[in-house]
Amino acid sequence: MIKSKVVMVGSISTGKSALVNRLLHNEFKESVSTTGALYFKKSISLDNSDVMVNIWDTAGQERFKSISKMYYRNANIFILVFDATRPETLRDVRDWTALIRENCIEERYDIILTCNKCDCEGTEQLINEGERMAEEFGFDYQRTSCKTGDGITELFEKAARKSIKLVQPSNDPVKYIEAKKVDVAQPASKKGCC
């Protein structure tokens, strides 16, 4: 079984915890608040692979950002969530992206930009802006609604598929660097400095 670390990030009240709750329990809770981070597991079967998705649901409040960063280490997938009813949460995506990049310098990971609350009226413009931002950053994009359940299964299956690609060994040939041979048994000859 392939193991994947998925970290939920995004501004406060975008629906990160509600997305996880819908995935795990297939129910919608109007208000769920996370303090620090919560951990969940979900096995997802895809084609010929089983993926154990280890989900870290982090708090979106500013005061918890420094705590949340410690959960970024060794993450395969970041699900970056914004709220289709609140434009400021889409603007915050740039800051969240910078935070991820600062804390995952040498790691292989992928980001799925997720527009939540797509069932609400008057959200089409922000949904489209989110799609353009995802293209700009080279992220996958997913529309979801915790209330209706739309897009939730697809989101986490997408995360599992991306994880498979990231954690399986690459088919690229290994490159070796030619090293200079040094004979440590022979003392170096001393040369004068003048």
N, C-alpha and C. Protein backbone atom coordinates (compact mmCIF):
# COMPACT_ATOMS: atom_id res chain seq x y z
N MET A 1 0.84 -1.18 0.00
CA MET A 1 0.00 0.00 0.00
C MET A 1 0.89 1.24 0.00
N ILE A 2 0.54 2.18 -0.84
CA ILE A 2 1.26 3.44 -0.93
C ILE A 2 0.75 4.37 0.17
N LYS A 3 1.68 5.04 0.85
CA LYS A 3 1.30 5.99 1.90
C LYS A 3 1.53 7.40 1.39
N SER A 4 0.57 8.26 1.67
CA SER A 4 0.64 9.64 1.20
C SER A 4 0.32 10.59 2.34
N LYS A 5 1.06 11.68 2.39
CA LYS A 5 0.77 12.73 3.38
C LYS A 5 0.12 13.89 2.66
N VAL A 6 -1.11 14.20 3.05
CA VAL A 6 -1.88 15.29 2.47
C VAL A 6 -2.12 16.33 3.56
N VAL A 7 -1.79 17.58 3.25
CA VAL A 7 -1.97 18.66 4.23
C VAL A 7 -3.01 19.64 3.70
N MET A 8 -4.02 19.89 4.51
CA MET A 8 -5.08 20.85 4.19
C MET A 8 -4.62 22.22 4.67
N VAL A 9 -4.57 23.20 3.76
CA VAL A 9 -4.17 24.56 4.13
C VAL A 9 -5.13 25.56 3.51
N GLY A 10 -5.13 26.75 4.06
CA GLY A 10 -5.98 27.82 3.55
C GLY A 10 -6.45 28.69 4.70
N SER A 11 -7.06 29.80 4.35
CA SER A 11 -7.52 30.76 5.34
C SER A 11 -8.61 30.19 6.23
N ILE A 12 -8.86 30.88 7.31
CA ILE A 12 -9.87 30.47 8.29
C ILE A 12 -11.26 30.41 7.64
N SER A 13 -12.03 29.42 8.02
CA SER A 13 -13.43 29.24 7.60
C SER A 13 -13.62 29.06 6.09
N THR A 14 -12.66 28.40 5.45
CA THR A 14 -12.82 28.10 4.03
C THR A 14 -13.46 26.73 3.82
N GLY A 15 -13.52 25.93 4.89
CA GLY A 15 -14.17 24.63 4.79
C GLY A 15 -13.21 23.45 4.75
N LYS A 16 -11.97 23.65 5.20
CA LYS A 16 -10.99 22.56 5.18
C LYS A 16 -11.46 21.36 6.01
N SER A 17 -11.87 21.63 7.23
CA SER A 17 -12.33 20.55 8.12
C SER A 17 -13.62 19.93 7.60
N ALA A 18 -14.49 20.75 7.04
CA ALA A 18 -15.75 20.24 6.49
C ALA A 18 -15.50 19.32 5.30
N LEU A 19 -14.47 19.61 4.49
CA LEU A 19 -14.10 18.73 3.37
C LEU A 19 -13.69 17.36 3.90
N VAL A 20 -12.85 17.35 4.92
CA VAL A 20 -12.38 16.09 5.51
C VAL A 20 -13.56 15.34 6.14
N ASN A 21 -14.40 16.07 6.86
CA ASN A 21 -15.57 15.45 7.50
C ASN A 21 -16.50 14.82 6.46
N ARG A 22 -16.70 15.50 5.34
CA ARG A 22 -17.56 14.97 4.27
C ARG A 22 -16.94 13.70 3.68
N LEU A 23 -15.62 13.71 3.49
CA LEU A 23 -14.93 12.54 2.95
C LEU A 23 -15.06 11.35 3.90
N LEU A 24 -14.79 11.56 5.17
CA LEU A 24 -14.74 10.46 6.14
C LEU A 24 -16.11 9.98 6.60
N HIS A 25 -17.06 10.90 6.78
CA HIS A 25 -18.34 10.55 7.39
C HIS A 25 -19.55 10.81 6.49
N ASN A 26 -19.29 11.38 5.32
CA ASN A 26 -20.34 11.74 4.36
C ASN A 26 -21.45 12.56 5.01
N GLU A 27 -21.03 13.51 5.83
CA GLU A 27 -22.00 14.41 6.45
C GLU A 27 -21.47 15.84 6.41
N PHE A 28 -22.39 16.78 6.48
CA PHE A 28 -22.03 18.20 6.44
C PHE A 28 -22.31 18.83 7.80
N LYS A 29 -21.27 19.44 8.35
CA LYS A 29 -21.42 20.20 9.59
C LYS A 29 -21.17 21.65 9.25
N GLU A 30 -22.12 22.49 9.60
CA GLU A 30 -22.08 23.92 9.25
C GLU A 30 -20.82 24.61 9.74
N SER A 31 -20.43 24.36 10.98
CA SER A 31 -19.29 25.07 11.55
C SER A 31 -18.38 24.11 12.28
N VAL A 32 -17.17 23.95 11.75
CA VAL A 32 -16.16 23.11 12.38
C VAL A 32 -14.90 23.95 12.46
N SER A 33 -14.33 24.10 13.64
CA SER A 33 -13.14 24.91 13.80
C SER A 33 -11.98 24.04 14.28
N THR A 34 -10.82 24.23 13.66
CA THR A 34 -9.63 23.46 14.00
C THR A 34 -8.67 24.34 14.79
N THR A 35 -8.15 23.81 15.88
CA THR A 35 -7.13 24.49 16.66
C THR A 35 -5.85 23.69 16.49
N GLY A 36 -4.83 24.31 15.90
CA GLY A 36 -3.58 23.59 15.64
C GLY A 36 -3.73 22.72 14.42
N ALA A 37 -3.82 21.40 14.62
CA ALA A 37 -3.99 20.47 13.49
C ALA A 37 -4.65 19.18 13.97
N LEU A 38 -5.40 18.57 13.07
CA LEU A 38 -6.02 17.28 13.34
C LEU A 38 -5.51 16.28 12.31
N TYR A 39 -5.46 15.01 12.69
CA TYR A 39 -4.92 13.96 11.84
C TYR A 39 -5.99 12.90 11.58
N PHE A 40 -6.10 12.50 10.30
CA PHE A 40 -7.06 11.48 9.89
C PHE A 40 -6.41 10.56 8.86
N LYS A 41 -6.95 9.34 8.74
CA LYS A 41 -6.49 8.38 7.73
C LYS A 41 -7.68 7.94 6.89
N LYS A 42 -7.41 7.73 5.59
CA LYS A 42 -8.45 7.22 4.69
C LYS A 42 -7.77 6.39 3.62
N SER A 43 -8.24 5.16 3.44
CA SER A 43 -7.73 4.30 2.38
C SER A 43 -8.54 4.56 1.11
N ILE A 44 -7.83 4.82 0.02
CA ILE A 44 -8.48 5.09 -1.26
C ILE A 44 -7.97 4.08 -2.28
N SER A 45 -8.89 3.36 -2.92
CA SER A 45 -8.53 2.38 -3.94
C SER A 45 -8.69 3.01 -5.32
N LEU A 46 -7.62 2.93 -6.10
CA LEU A 46 -7.61 3.47 -7.46
C LEU A 46 -7.07 2.41 -8.40
N ASP A 47 -7.79 2.09 -9.44
CA ASP A 47 -7.32 1.15 -10.46
C ASP A 47 -6.59 -0.03 -9.82
N ASN A 48 -5.25 -0.04 -9.92
CA ASN A 48 -4.46 -1.16 -9.39
C ASN A 48 -3.70 -0.80 -8.12
N SER A 49 -4.03 0.30 -7.49
CA SER A 49 -3.28 0.75 -6.31
C SER A 49 -4.21 1.10 -5.16
N ASP A 50 -3.72 0.82 -3.97
CA ASP A 50 -4.38 1.28 -2.75
C ASP A 50 -3.48 2.34 -2.13
N VAL A 51 -4.08 3.46 -1.77
CA VAL A 51 -3.33 4.56 -1.19
C VAL A 51 -3.89 4.86 0.20
N MET A 52 -3.00 4.85 1.20
CA MET A 52 -3.40 5.27 2.54
C MET A 52 -3.10 6.77 2.62
N VAL A 53 -4.16 7.55 2.62
CA VAL A 53 -4.02 9.00 2.65
C VAL A 53 -4.03 9.44 4.11
N ASN A 54 -2.91 9.99 4.55
CA ASN A 54 -2.78 10.53 5.90
C ASN A 54 -3.03 12.03 5.79
N ILE A 55 -4.14 12.47 6.34
CA ILE A 55 -4.60 13.85 6.15
C ILE A 55 -4.32 14.67 7.41
N TRP A 56 -3.60 15.77 7.22
CA TRP A 56 -3.36 16.73 8.30
C TRP A 56 -4.22 17.95 8.00
N ASP A 57 -5.18 18.20 8.86
CA ASP A 57 -6.10 19.33 8.72
C ASP A 57 -5.58 20.45 9.62
N THR A 58 -4.99 21.48 9.02
CA THR A 58 -4.36 22.55 9.79
C THR A 58 -5.29 23.74 9.97
N ALA A 59 -5.06 24.48 11.04
CA ALA A 59 -5.87 25.66 11.34
C ALA A 59 -5.48 26.80 10.40
N GLY A 60 -6.47 27.60 10.02
CA GLY A 60 -6.22 28.71 9.11
C GLY A 60 -5.98 30.04 9.79
N GLN A 61 -6.17 30.10 11.13
CA GLN A 61 -5.97 31.36 11.83
C GLN A 61 -4.51 31.78 11.78
N GLU A 62 -4.29 33.07 11.68
CA GLU A 62 -2.94 33.65 11.62
C GLU A 62 -2.08 33.16 12.78
N ARG A 63 -2.65 33.10 13.98
CA ARG A 63 -1.85 32.73 15.15
C ARG A 63 -1.38 31.28 15.12
N PHE A 64 -1.98 30.44 14.26
CA PHE A 64 -1.57 29.04 14.17
C PHE A 64 -0.67 28.76 12.96
N LYS A 65 -0.36 29.79 12.15
CA LYS A 65 0.44 29.55 10.94
C LYS A 65 1.81 28.96 11.27
N SER A 66 2.46 29.47 12.31
CA SER A 66 3.79 28.95 12.64
C SER A 66 3.71 27.50 13.12
N ILE A 67 2.64 27.13 13.81
CA ILE A 67 2.44 25.75 14.24
C ILE A 67 2.15 24.86 13.03
N SER A 68 1.30 25.35 12.14
CA SER A 68 0.90 24.57 10.96
C SER A 68 2.08 24.22 10.08
N LYS A 69 3.08 25.11 10.01
CA LYS A 69 4.24 24.88 9.14
C LYS A 69 4.97 23.59 9.47
N MET A 70 4.96 23.20 10.74
CA MET A 70 5.70 21.98 11.11
C MET A 70 5.06 20.73 10.51
N TYR A 71 3.81 20.82 10.09
CA TYR A 71 3.14 19.68 9.47
C TYR A 71 3.44 19.58 7.97
N TYR A 72 4.10 20.58 7.41
CA TYR A 72 4.39 20.60 5.97
C TYR A 72 5.48 19.61 5.59
N ARG A 73 6.39 19.31 6.51
CA ARG A 73 7.54 18.46 6.21
C ARG A 73 7.08 17.10 5.67
N ASN A 74 7.69 16.68 4.57
CA ASN A 74 7.43 15.40 3.91
C ASN A 74 6.02 15.25 3.36
N ALA A 75 5.33 16.36 3.15
CA ALA A 75 3.99 16.30 2.55
C ALA A 75 4.12 15.99 1.06
N ASN A 76 3.21 15.16 0.56
CA ASN A 76 3.15 14.87 -0.86
C ASN A 76 2.21 15.83 -1.57
N ILE A 77 1.09 16.11 -0.93
CA ILE A 77 0.05 16.94 -1.53
C ILE A 77 -0.41 17.99 -0.54
N PHE A 78 -0.57 19.20 -1.06
CA PHE A 78 -1.22 20.27 -0.29
C PHE A 78 -2.56 20.54 -0.97
N ILE A 79 -3.63 20.48 -0.21
CA ILE A 79 -4.93 20.89 -0.71
C ILE A 79 -5.15 22.29 -0.17
N LEU A 80 -4.99 23.27 -1.06
CA LEU A 80 -5.07 24.70 -0.70
C LEU A 80 -6.49 25.17 -1.00
N VAL A 81 -7.24 25.48 0.06
CA VAL A 81 -8.67 25.74 -0.04
C VAL A 81 -8.97 27.23 0.07
N PHE A 82 -9.83 27.72 -0.85
CA PHE A 82 -10.38 29.06 -0.69
C PHE A 82 -11.90 28.97 -0.78
N ASP A 83 -12.56 30.02 -0.30
CA ASP A 83 -14.01 30.07 -0.17
C ASP A 83 -14.58 30.88 -1.33
N ALA A 84 -15.45 30.27 -2.13
CA ALA A 84 -16.03 30.92 -3.31
C ALA A 84 -16.89 32.13 -2.97
N THR A 85 -17.21 32.31 -1.69
CA THR A 85 -18.04 33.45 -1.28
C THR A 85 -17.22 34.59 -0.69
N ARG A 86 -15.90 34.38 -0.53
CA ARG A 86 -15.05 35.39 0.12
C ARG A 86 -13.80 35.65 -0.71
N PRO A 87 -13.79 36.75 -1.49
CA PRO A 87 -12.66 37.06 -2.38
C PRO A 87 -11.31 37.14 -1.67
N GLU A 88 -11.29 37.59 -0.42
CA GLU A 88 -10.02 37.72 0.30
C GLU A 88 -9.33 36.37 0.48
N THR A 89 -10.10 35.28 0.53
CA THR A 89 -9.48 33.96 0.69
C THR A 89 -8.76 33.53 -0.59
N LEU A 90 -9.23 34.00 -1.74
CA LEU A 90 -8.52 33.72 -2.99
C LEU A 90 -7.24 34.56 -3.04
N ARG A 91 -7.31 35.81 -2.60
CA ARG A 91 -6.09 36.64 -2.55
C ARG A 91 -5.05 36.01 -1.62
N ASP A 92 -5.51 35.39 -0.54
CA ASP A 92 -4.60 34.76 0.42
C ASP A 92 -3.85 33.56 -0.17
N VAL A 93 -4.33 33.02 -1.28
CA VAL A 93 -3.69 31.85 -1.90
C VAL A 93 -2.22 32.14 -2.21
N ARG A 94 -1.92 33.35 -2.63
CA ARG A 94 -0.52 33.71 -2.93
C ARG A 94 0.35 33.58 -1.67
N ASP A 95 -0.16 34.05 -0.54
CA ASP A 95 0.60 33.95 0.71
C ASP A 95 0.77 32.50 1.15
N TRP A 96 -0.29 31.71 1.03
CA TRP A 96 -0.20 30.29 1.40
C TRP A 96 0.79 29.56 0.49
N THR A 97 0.78 29.90 -0.79
CA THR A 97 1.72 29.27 -1.73
C THR A 97 3.15 29.61 -1.35
N ALA A 98 3.40 30.87 -1.02
CA ALA A 98 4.74 31.29 -0.60
C ALA A 98 5.16 30.56 0.67
N LEU A 99 4.25 30.40 1.61
CA LEU A 99 4.55 29.70 2.86
C LEU A 99 4.91 28.24 2.60
N ILE A 100 4.19 27.60 1.71
CA ILE A 100 4.50 26.21 1.35
C ILE A 100 5.88 26.14 0.71
N ARG A 101 6.13 27.01 -0.24
CA ARG A 101 7.42 26.98 -0.95
C ARG A 101 8.59 27.28 -0.02
N GLU A 102 8.41 28.18 0.93
CA GLU A 102 9.47 28.50 1.89
C GLU A 102 9.80 27.31 2.79
N ASN A 103 8.81 26.51 3.11
CA ASN A 103 8.99 25.42 4.06
C ASN A 103 9.20 24.06 3.43
N CYS A 104 9.14 23.97 2.12
CA CYS A 104 9.32 22.69 1.42
C CYS A 104 10.30 22.87 0.27
N ILE A 105 11.44 23.45 0.56
CA ILE A 105 12.40 23.85 -0.47
C ILE A 105 12.86 22.69 -1.33
N GLU A 106 13.27 21.59 -0.71
CA GLU A 106 13.86 20.49 -1.48
C GLU A 106 12.96 19.27 -1.59
N GLU A 107 11.73 19.41 -1.23
CA GLU A 107 10.83 18.27 -1.24
C GLU A 107 9.99 18.24 -2.51
N ARG A 108 9.56 17.03 -2.89
CA ARG A 108 8.66 16.86 -4.03
C ARG A 108 7.24 16.86 -3.52
N TYR A 109 6.45 17.78 -4.00
CA TYR A 109 5.05 17.89 -3.58
C TYR A 109 4.24 18.49 -4.72
N ASP A 110 2.94 18.43 -4.57
CA ASP A 110 2.04 19.03 -5.54
C ASP A 110 0.96 19.77 -4.77
N ILE A 111 0.36 20.76 -5.42
CA ILE A 111 -0.69 21.56 -4.79
C ILE A 111 -1.95 21.46 -5.64
N ILE A 112 -3.07 21.23 -4.98
CA ILE A 112 -4.37 21.25 -5.64
C ILE A 112 -5.12 22.45 -5.08
N LEU A 113 -5.35 23.45 -5.92
CA LEU A 113 -6.13 24.61 -5.50
C LEU A 113 -7.60 24.20 -5.52
N THR A 114 -8.26 24.39 -4.38
CA THR A 114 -9.63 23.90 -4.22
C THR A 114 -10.57 25.05 -3.89
N CYS A 115 -11.56 25.22 -4.75
CA CYS A 115 -12.59 26.24 -4.55
C CYS A 115 -13.77 25.58 -3.86
N ASN A 116 -13.98 25.92 -2.60
CA ASN A 116 -15.06 25.31 -1.82
C ASN A 116 -16.26 26.25 -1.76
N LYS A 117 -17.41 25.70 -1.45
CA LYS A 117 -18.69 26.41 -1.35
C LYS A 117 -19.19 26.84 -2.74
N CYS A 118 -18.91 26.01 -3.73
CA CYS A 118 -19.31 26.31 -5.12
C CYS A 118 -20.82 26.21 -5.32
N ASP A 119 -21.53 25.69 -4.35
CA ASP A 119 -22.99 25.58 -4.45
C ASP A 119 -23.68 26.92 -4.16
N CYS A 120 -22.97 27.87 -3.60
CA CYS A 120 -23.57 29.16 -3.23
C CYS A 120 -23.80 30.03 -4.47
N GLU A 121 -24.85 30.83 -4.43
CA GLU A 121 -25.18 31.71 -5.56
C GLU A 121 -24.20 32.87 -5.65
N GLY A 122 -23.99 33.34 -6.88
CA GLY A 122 -23.15 34.50 -7.12
C GLY A 122 -21.67 34.24 -6.98
N THR A 123 -21.25 32.99 -7.15
CA THR A 123 -19.84 32.65 -6.95
C THR A 123 -19.08 32.38 -8.25
N GLU A 124 -19.77 32.42 -9.38
CA GLU A 124 -19.15 32.02 -10.65
C GLU A 124 -17.89 32.84 -10.97
N GLN A 125 -17.92 34.15 -10.72
CA GLN A 125 -16.76 34.98 -11.03
C GLN A 125 -15.54 34.55 -10.22
N LEU A 126 -15.71 34.34 -8.93
CA LEU A 126 -14.59 33.94 -8.08
C LEU A 126 -14.12 32.52 -8.43
N ILE A 127 -15.05 31.65 -8.79
CA ILE A 127 -14.69 30.29 -9.22
C ILE A 127 -13.78 30.37 -10.45
N ASN A 128 -14.14 31.23 -11.41
CA ASN A 128 -13.34 31.40 -12.63
C ASN A 128 -11.99 32.05 -12.33
N GLU A 129 -11.96 33.03 -11.42
CA GLU A 129 -10.70 33.65 -11.03
C GLU A 129 -9.77 32.62 -10.39
N GLY A 130 -10.33 31.74 -9.60
CA GLY A 130 -9.54 30.67 -8.99
C GLY A 130 -8.95 29.75 -10.03
N GLU A 131 -9.72 29.45 -11.05
CA GLU A 131 -9.23 28.59 -12.12
C GLU A 131 -8.07 29.25 -12.86
N ARG A 132 -8.19 30.55 -13.10
CA ARG A 132 -7.09 31.29 -13.75
C ARG A 132 -5.84 31.31 -12.87
N MET A 133 -6.03 31.48 -11.56
CA MET A 133 -4.89 31.48 -10.65
C MET A 133 -4.21 30.11 -10.64
N ALA A 134 -4.99 29.05 -10.65
CA ALA A 134 -4.43 27.70 -10.69
C ALA A 134 -3.58 27.51 -11.94
N GLU A 135 -4.07 28.00 -13.08
CA GLU A 135 -3.29 27.93 -14.32
C GLU A 135 -2.00 28.72 -14.20
N GLU A 136 -2.09 29.91 -13.62
CA GLU A 136 -0.91 30.78 -13.44
C GLU A 136 0.17 30.08 -12.62
N PHE A 137 -0.23 29.40 -11.55
CA PHE A 137 0.72 28.73 -10.67
C PHE A 137 1.06 27.31 -11.12
N GLY A 138 0.32 26.77 -12.07
CA GLY A 138 0.55 25.40 -12.50
C GLY A 138 -0.03 24.37 -11.55
N PHE A 139 -1.09 24.74 -10.83
CA PHE A 139 -1.75 23.83 -9.90
C PHE A 139 -2.93 23.15 -10.58
N ASP A 140 -3.28 21.97 -10.08
CA ASP A 140 -4.56 21.38 -10.45
C ASP A 140 -5.64 22.18 -9.75
N TYR A 141 -6.86 22.10 -10.27
CA TYR A 141 -7.97 22.88 -9.72
C TYR A 141 -9.16 21.97 -9.49
N GLN A 142 -9.83 22.15 -8.38
CA GLN A 142 -11.00 21.34 -8.06
C GLN A 142 -12.07 22.21 -7.43
N ARG A 143 -13.29 22.08 -7.94
CA ARG A 143 -14.46 22.74 -7.34
C ARG A 143 -15.11 21.76 -6.39
N THR A 144 -15.51 22.25 -5.21
CA THR A 144 -16.16 21.38 -4.23
C THR A 144 -17.30 22.10 -3.52
N SER A 145 -18.15 21.30 -2.92
CA SER A 145 -19.19 21.80 -2.02
C SER A 145 -19.36 20.79 -0.90
N CYS A 146 -19.04 21.20 0.30
CA CYS A 146 -19.23 20.30 1.45
C CYS A 146 -20.71 20.08 1.71
N LYS A 147 -21.50 21.08 1.40
CA LYS A 147 -22.95 21.00 1.65
C LYS A 147 -23.60 19.92 0.78
N THR A 148 -23.27 19.91 -0.52
CA THR A 148 -23.88 18.94 -1.44
C THR A 148 -23.04 17.68 -1.62
N GLY A 149 -21.75 17.77 -1.28
CA GLY A 149 -20.83 16.65 -1.48
C GLY A 149 -20.17 16.65 -2.84
N ASP A 150 -20.53 17.61 -3.70
CA ASP A 150 -19.96 17.67 -5.06
C ASP A 150 -18.45 17.89 -5.02
N GLY A 151 -17.73 17.07 -5.78
CA GLY A 151 -16.30 17.24 -5.97
C GLY A 151 -15.41 16.71 -4.86
N ILE A 152 -15.97 16.25 -3.76
CA ILE A 152 -15.16 15.81 -2.62
C ILE A 152 -14.40 14.52 -2.95
N THR A 153 -15.12 13.51 -3.42
CA THR A 153 -14.46 12.25 -3.78
C THR A 153 -13.41 12.49 -4.85
N GLU A 154 -13.76 13.29 -5.86
CA GLU A 154 -12.83 13.60 -6.95
C GLU A 154 -11.57 14.28 -6.43
N LEU A 155 -11.73 15.19 -5.47
CA LEU A 155 -10.59 15.91 -4.89
C LEU A 155 -9.60 14.95 -4.25
N PHE A 156 -10.09 14.07 -3.40
CA PHE A 156 -9.19 13.18 -2.68
C PHE A 156 -8.66 12.06 -3.57
N GLU A 157 -9.42 11.65 -4.58
CA GLU A 157 -8.88 10.69 -5.56
C GLU A 157 -7.78 11.34 -6.38
N LYS A 158 -7.96 12.61 -6.72
CA LYS A 158 -6.93 13.36 -7.45
C LYS A 158 -5.66 13.44 -6.59
N ALA A 159 -5.82 13.71 -5.30
CA ALA A 159 -4.68 13.76 -4.38
C ALA A 159 -3.98 12.41 -4.32
N ALA A 160 -4.75 11.32 -4.28
CA ALA A 160 -4.17 9.98 -4.22
C ALA A 160 -3.41 9.65 -5.50
N ARG A 161 -3.99 9.99 -6.66
CA ARG A 161 -3.32 9.74 -7.95
C ARG A 161 -2.00 10.50 -8.04
N LYS A 162 -2.03 11.76 -7.63
CA LYS A 162 -0.82 12.58 -7.67
C LYS A 162 0.23 12.01 -6.71
N SER A 163 -0.22 11.50 -5.57
CA SER A 163 0.70 10.90 -4.60
C SER A 163 1.41 9.69 -5.17
N ILE A 164 0.67 8.87 -5.91
CA ILE A 164 1.28 7.69 -6.52
C ILE A 164 2.44 8.10 -7.41
N LYS A 165 2.23 9.13 -8.21
CA LYS A 165 3.29 9.61 -9.11
C LYS A 165 4.48 10.16 -8.34
N LEU A 166 4.22 10.80 -7.21
CA LEU A 166 5.29 11.42 -6.44
C LEU A 166 6.10 10.43 -5.62
N VAL A 167 5.46 9.39 -5.09
CA VAL A 167 6.18 8.48 -4.20
C VAL A 167 6.77 7.26 -4.90
N GLN A 168 6.31 6.94 -6.09
CA GLN A 168 6.89 5.81 -6.80
C GLN A 168 8.24 6.22 -7.39
N PRO A 169 9.18 5.27 -7.46
CA PRO A 169 10.50 5.59 -7.99
C PRO A 169 10.41 6.10 -9.43
N SER A 170 11.27 7.01 -9.73
CA SER A 170 11.32 7.61 -11.06
C SER A 170 11.96 6.64 -12.05
N ASN A 171 11.56 6.72 -13.31
CA ASN A 171 12.17 5.91 -14.36
C ASN A 171 13.40 6.59 -14.95
N ASP A 172 13.71 7.79 -14.45
CA ASP A 172 14.88 8.50 -14.95
C ASP A 172 16.14 7.74 -14.56
N PRO A 173 17.12 7.66 -15.49
CA PRO A 173 18.36 6.98 -15.14
C PRO A 173 19.11 7.76 -14.06
N VAL A 174 19.78 7.02 -13.19
CA VAL A 174 20.55 7.65 -12.12
C VAL A 174 21.79 8.28 -12.73
N LYS A 175 22.08 9.50 -12.33
CA LYS A 175 23.26 10.19 -12.84
C LYS A 175 24.34 10.15 -11.77
N TYR A 176 25.54 9.78 -12.18
CA TYR A 176 26.66 9.71 -11.25
C TYR A 176 27.62 10.84 -11.56
N ILE A 177 28.21 11.36 -10.51
CA ILE A 177 29.22 12.40 -10.67
C ILE A 177 30.57 11.72 -10.60
N GLU A 178 31.45 12.04 -11.55
CA GLU A 178 32.78 11.43 -11.56
C GLU A 178 33.62 12.06 -10.46
N ALA A 179 34.15 11.22 -9.60
CA ALA A 179 34.96 11.72 -8.48
C ALA A 179 36.44 11.55 -8.80
N LYS A 180 37.24 12.44 -8.27
CA LYS A 180 38.69 12.36 -8.43
C LYS A 180 39.23 11.39 -7.39
N LYS A 181 40.08 10.45 -7.82
CA LYS A 181 40.64 9.47 -6.92
C LYS A 181 41.79 10.11 -6.14
N VAL A 182 41.77 9.92 -4.84
CA VAL A 182 42.81 10.47 -3.98
C VAL A 182 43.43 9.32 -3.22
N ASP A 183 44.77 9.23 -3.26
CA ASP A 183 45.48 8.17 -2.55
C ASP A 183 45.82 8.70 -1.15
N VAL A 184 45.12 8.21 -0.15
CA VAL A 184 45.33 8.71 1.21
C VAL A 184 46.52 8.06 1.89
N ALA A 185 47.08 7.00 1.31
CA ALA A 185 48.23 6.32 1.90
C ALA A 185 49.51 7.12 1.67
N GLN A 186 49.59 7.87 0.62
CA GLN A 186 50.77 8.66 0.29
C GLN A 186 50.66 10.04 0.92
N PRO A 187 51.62 10.45 1.75
CA PRO A 187 51.56 11.80 2.30
C PRO A 187 51.79 12.82 1.19
N ALA A 188 51.15 13.93 1.30
CA ALA A 188 51.30 14.98 0.30
C ALA A 188 52.70 15.55 0.37
N SER A 189 53.30 15.81 -0.80
CA SER A 189 54.66 16.37 -0.82
C SER A 189 54.61 17.82 -0.38
N LYS A 190 55.65 18.20 0.42
CA LYS A 190 55.70 19.57 0.92
C LYS A 190 56.45 20.42 -0.07
N LYS A 191 55.90 21.57 -0.32
CA LYS A 191 56.53 22.51 -1.23
C LYS A 191 56.81 23.78 -0.45
N GLY A 192 57.85 24.43 -0.80
CA GLY A 192 58.19 25.68 -0.13
C GLY A 192 57.24 26.78 -0.54
N CYS A 193 57.13 27.76 0.30
CA CYS A 193 56.22 28.85 -0.01
C CYS A 193 56.94 30.01 -0.68
N CYS A 194 58.27 30.02 -0.69
CA CYS A 194 58.98 31.16 -1.25
C CYS A 194 59.82 30.80 -2.44
